[in-house]
Amino acid sequence: MAQESGPEPSFEEALKRLEGIVQRLEEGKLSLEESLQAFEEGVKLSALCARRLDEVERKVEVLLKDRSTGQLRAEPFAPEEE
């Protein structure tokens, strides 16, 4: 399945397509050529999803209430380390 030209899919669309590709590959019913094409599209979709998540992470801000003034302030999001 070749990727269509045009605007990039949304994160949700890309993730859904990626899930479908994984399912088809796991079924093992594709020819070698079809598997390779599906894998290539999956890699592109995975990169798109990762890029979108990175963009969102950079935009996320946590609003904290300044206890001394009662005002809200924006602070860069710092994910907790596991």
Foldseek 3Di string as FASTA:
>chain_A
DADDDDDDDDLVVLVVLLVVLVVVVVVVPDDPVVNVRSVVSNVVSVVVNVVVVVVVLQVDWDWDQDVVPRDTDTDRDDDDDD
